N, C-alpha and C. Protein backbone atom coordinates (compact mmCIF):
# COMPACT_ATOMS: atom_id res chain seq x y z
N MET A 1 107.89 93.88 94.90
CA MET A 1 106.97 94.94 94.50
C MET A 1 106.27 95.47 95.75
N ILE A 2 106.30 96.78 95.91
CA ILE A 2 105.64 97.42 97.04
C ILE A 2 104.36 98.08 96.54
N GLU A 3 103.26 97.77 97.20
CA GLU A 3 101.97 98.33 96.82
C GLU A 3 101.53 99.35 97.87
N VAL A 4 101.25 100.56 97.42
CA VAL A 4 100.80 101.64 98.29
C VAL A 4 99.34 101.92 97.96
N THR A 5 98.49 101.86 98.99
CA THR A 5 97.08 102.16 98.82
C THR A 5 96.83 103.59 99.29
N LEU A 6 96.19 104.37 98.43
CA LEU A 6 95.89 105.77 98.71
C LEU A 6 94.50 105.90 99.33
N PRO A 7 94.18 107.05 99.93
CA PRO A 7 92.88 107.21 100.60
C PRO A 7 91.66 106.97 99.71
N ASP A 8 91.79 107.25 98.41
CA ASP A 8 90.65 107.04 97.51
C ASP A 8 90.50 105.58 97.08
N GLY A 9 91.38 104.71 97.60
CA GLY A 9 91.31 103.29 97.27
C GLY A 9 92.18 102.88 96.10
N SER A 10 92.73 103.86 95.38
CA SER A 10 93.62 103.51 94.27
C SER A 10 94.94 102.99 94.82
N LYS A 11 95.64 102.25 93.98
CA LYS A 11 96.89 101.64 94.39
C LYS A 11 98.00 102.04 93.44
N ARG A 12 99.20 102.19 93.99
CA ARG A 12 100.40 102.47 93.20
C ARG A 12 101.42 101.42 93.55
N GLU A 13 102.13 100.94 92.53
CA GLU A 13 103.15 99.92 92.74
C GLU A 13 104.53 100.52 92.48
N PHE A 14 105.49 100.14 93.32
CA PHE A 14 106.87 100.60 93.21
C PHE A 14 107.78 99.38 93.24
N ASN A 15 108.83 99.41 92.43
CA ASN A 15 109.75 98.27 92.33
C ASN A 15 110.73 98.20 93.49
N SER A 16 110.96 99.31 94.17
CA SER A 16 111.91 99.35 95.27
C SER A 16 111.36 100.25 96.37
N PRO A 17 111.98 100.24 97.55
CA PRO A 17 111.50 101.11 98.63
C PRO A 17 111.46 102.58 98.19
N VAL A 18 110.46 103.28 98.67
CA VAL A 18 110.27 104.70 98.36
C VAL A 18 110.02 105.46 99.65
N THR A 19 110.06 106.78 99.56
CA THR A 19 109.70 107.62 100.70
C THR A 19 108.28 108.16 100.50
N VAL A 20 107.74 108.72 101.55
CA VAL A 20 106.42 109.34 101.44
C VAL A 20 106.48 110.48 100.42
N GLY A 21 107.58 111.21 100.40
CA GLY A 21 107.76 112.27 99.40
C GLY A 21 107.75 111.74 97.98
N ASP A 22 108.36 110.56 97.78
CA ASP A 22 108.35 109.94 96.46
C ASP A 22 106.92 109.57 96.04
N VAL A 23 106.14 109.09 96.99
CA VAL A 23 104.74 108.75 96.69
C VAL A 23 103.99 110.01 96.27
N ALA A 24 104.19 111.10 97.01
CA ALA A 24 103.53 112.37 96.66
C ALA A 24 103.93 112.80 95.25
N ALA A 25 105.22 112.71 94.93
CA ALA A 25 105.71 113.10 93.61
C ALA A 25 105.12 112.22 92.52
N SER A 26 104.90 110.94 92.82
CA SER A 26 104.34 110.04 91.81
C SER A 26 102.88 110.37 91.51
N ILE A 27 102.22 111.03 92.44
CA ILE A 27 100.83 111.43 92.24
C ILE A 27 100.78 112.72 91.43
N GLY A 28 101.68 113.65 91.73
CA GLY A 28 101.70 114.89 90.97
C GLY A 28 102.69 115.89 91.55
N ALA A 29 103.22 116.74 90.69
CA ALA A 29 104.21 117.73 91.10
C ALA A 29 103.61 118.74 92.08
N GLY A 30 102.37 119.12 91.88
CA GLY A 30 101.71 120.07 92.77
C GLY A 30 101.56 119.51 94.18
N LEU A 31 101.18 118.25 94.26
CA LEU A 31 101.05 117.60 95.57
C LEU A 31 102.42 117.48 96.23
N ALA A 32 103.43 117.16 95.46
CA ALA A 32 104.78 117.05 96.02
C ALA A 32 105.23 118.38 96.62
N ARG A 33 104.91 119.49 95.95
CA ARG A 33 105.28 120.81 96.48
C ARG A 33 104.48 121.17 97.73
N ALA A 34 103.22 120.75 97.78
CA ALA A 34 102.34 121.09 98.90
C ALA A 34 102.50 120.16 100.10
N ALA A 35 103.12 119.02 99.89
CA ALA A 35 103.23 118.01 100.95
C ALA A 35 104.06 118.51 102.13
N LEU A 36 103.54 118.31 103.34
CA LEU A 36 104.24 118.66 104.57
C LEU A 36 104.68 117.41 105.32
N ALA A 37 103.89 116.35 105.21
CA ALA A 37 104.14 115.10 105.92
C ALA A 37 103.27 114.03 105.28
N GLY A 38 103.21 112.89 105.91
CA GLY A 38 102.36 111.82 105.42
C GLY A 38 101.83 111.00 106.56
N LYS A 39 100.89 110.16 106.25
CA LYS A 39 100.38 109.19 107.21
C LYS A 39 100.57 107.82 106.59
N VAL A 40 101.27 106.96 107.31
CA VAL A 40 101.48 105.58 106.87
C VAL A 40 100.73 104.70 107.86
N ASN A 41 99.71 104.02 107.35
CA ASN A 41 98.83 103.20 108.19
C ASN A 41 98.29 104.00 109.38
N GLY A 42 97.96 105.28 109.14
CA GLY A 42 97.37 106.13 110.16
C GLY A 42 98.36 106.83 111.07
N LYS A 43 99.65 106.53 110.94
CA LYS A 43 100.67 107.14 111.80
C LYS A 43 101.32 108.31 111.06
N LEU A 44 101.38 109.48 111.70
CA LEU A 44 101.97 110.67 111.11
C LEU A 44 103.49 110.51 111.02
N VAL A 45 104.03 110.72 109.81
CA VAL A 45 105.47 110.58 109.56
C VAL A 45 105.95 111.72 108.68
N ASP A 46 107.28 111.94 108.63
CA ASP A 46 107.79 112.99 107.76
C ASP A 46 107.93 112.47 106.33
N LEU A 47 108.25 113.38 105.41
CA LEU A 47 108.30 113.02 103.99
C LEU A 47 109.45 112.09 103.65
N SER A 48 110.45 112.00 104.50
CA SER A 48 111.58 111.11 104.22
C SER A 48 111.38 109.70 104.78
N HIS A 49 110.22 109.45 105.37
CA HIS A 49 109.93 108.13 105.95
C HIS A 49 109.95 107.07 104.85
N PRO A 50 110.76 106.00 105.03
CA PRO A 50 110.82 104.97 103.99
C PRO A 50 109.62 104.02 104.05
N ILE A 51 109.17 103.66 102.88
CA ILE A 51 108.09 102.66 102.75
C ILE A 51 108.72 101.44 102.11
N THR A 52 108.80 100.37 102.88
CA THR A 52 109.49 99.16 102.41
C THR A 52 108.55 97.98 102.23
N GLU A 53 107.30 98.15 102.60
CA GLU A 53 106.32 97.07 102.44
C GLU A 53 104.97 97.67 102.11
N ASN A 54 103.99 96.83 101.78
CA ASN A 54 102.66 97.31 101.43
C ASN A 54 102.06 98.09 102.59
N ASN A 55 101.56 99.30 102.30
CA ASN A 55 101.00 100.18 103.32
C ASN A 55 99.90 101.03 102.72
N THR A 56 99.11 101.62 103.62
CA THR A 56 98.16 102.66 103.24
C THR A 56 98.83 103.99 103.52
N VAL A 57 98.85 104.88 102.54
CA VAL A 57 99.56 106.15 102.66
C VAL A 57 98.64 107.30 102.26
N SER A 58 98.66 108.36 103.07
CA SER A 58 97.99 109.60 102.68
C SER A 58 99.00 110.73 102.85
N ILE A 59 98.85 111.74 102.04
CA ILE A 59 99.75 112.89 102.05
C ILE A 59 99.09 114.02 102.82
N VAL A 60 99.83 114.62 103.75
CA VAL A 60 99.31 115.71 104.58
C VAL A 60 99.80 117.04 103.98
N THR A 61 98.85 117.95 103.74
CA THR A 61 99.16 119.29 103.24
C THR A 61 98.65 120.32 104.24
N ASP A 62 98.84 121.59 103.93
CA ASP A 62 98.36 122.64 104.83
C ASP A 62 96.84 122.72 104.91
N LYS A 63 96.16 122.00 104.06
CA LYS A 63 94.69 121.98 104.08
C LYS A 63 94.15 120.98 105.10
N ASP A 64 95.02 120.12 105.62
CA ASP A 64 94.63 119.12 106.61
C ASP A 64 94.84 119.67 108.02
N PRO A 65 94.01 119.26 108.99
CA PRO A 65 94.21 119.71 110.38
C PRO A 65 95.62 119.39 110.90
N GLU A 66 96.13 118.21 110.54
CA GLU A 66 97.49 117.84 110.97
C GLU A 66 98.52 118.76 110.34
N GLY A 67 98.27 119.19 109.11
CA GLY A 67 99.20 120.07 108.41
C GLY A 67 99.32 121.41 109.10
N LEU A 68 98.20 121.94 109.55
CA LEU A 68 98.23 123.21 110.27
C LEU A 68 99.02 123.07 111.56
N GLU A 69 98.86 121.95 112.25
CA GLU A 69 99.61 121.72 113.49
C GLU A 69 101.11 121.60 113.20
N ILE A 70 101.48 120.97 112.10
CA ILE A 70 102.89 120.85 111.71
C ILE A 70 103.47 122.24 111.44
N ILE A 71 102.73 123.07 110.72
CA ILE A 71 103.20 124.44 110.43
C ILE A 71 103.38 125.22 111.73
N ARG A 72 102.43 125.12 112.62
CA ARG A 72 102.54 125.83 113.90
C ARG A 72 103.75 125.33 114.70
N HIS A 73 103.93 124.04 114.74
CA HIS A 73 105.06 123.46 115.48
C HIS A 73 106.39 123.92 114.90
N SER A 74 106.52 123.84 113.59
CA SER A 74 107.76 124.25 112.93
C SER A 74 108.03 125.74 113.14
N THR A 75 106.97 126.54 113.05
CA THR A 75 107.12 127.98 113.24
C THR A 75 107.57 128.30 114.67
N SER A 76 107.07 127.55 115.64
CA SER A 76 107.49 127.80 117.03
C SER A 76 108.97 127.50 117.22
N HIS A 77 109.49 126.49 116.53
CA HIS A 77 110.93 126.21 116.58
C HIS A 77 111.74 127.35 115.95
N LEU A 78 111.25 127.87 114.84
CA LEU A 78 111.95 128.99 114.19
C LEU A 78 111.97 130.22 115.10
N MET A 79 110.85 130.49 115.75
CA MET A 79 110.80 131.64 116.63
C MET A 79 111.73 131.45 117.83
N ALA A 80 111.78 130.25 118.36
CA ALA A 80 112.67 129.97 119.49
C ALA A 80 114.13 130.18 119.10
N GLN A 81 114.49 129.79 117.89
CA GLN A 81 115.86 130.00 117.40
C GLN A 81 116.16 131.49 117.25
N ALA A 82 115.17 132.25 116.80
CA ALA A 82 115.37 133.68 116.61
C ALA A 82 115.54 134.42 117.94
N VAL A 83 114.83 133.95 118.94
CA VAL A 83 114.90 134.59 120.26
C VAL A 83 116.21 134.19 120.91
């Protein structure tokens, strides 16, 4: 059993390894759509990052400072490809 602790202190249990995206989806469909990345034990990771043991997880959206930086970084890659 994998236990994920969320920023508000609540806990979610999963029977098998999950991704950060799966954790977001388990919280709600709206959060899953808004999710850009996650933080696992304070480390910024992408949504496909596997969670295989008990961790603290937060979901990063465009409302977070890190989310804005992710959008800017991704957009710069798109612009570089276009040029």
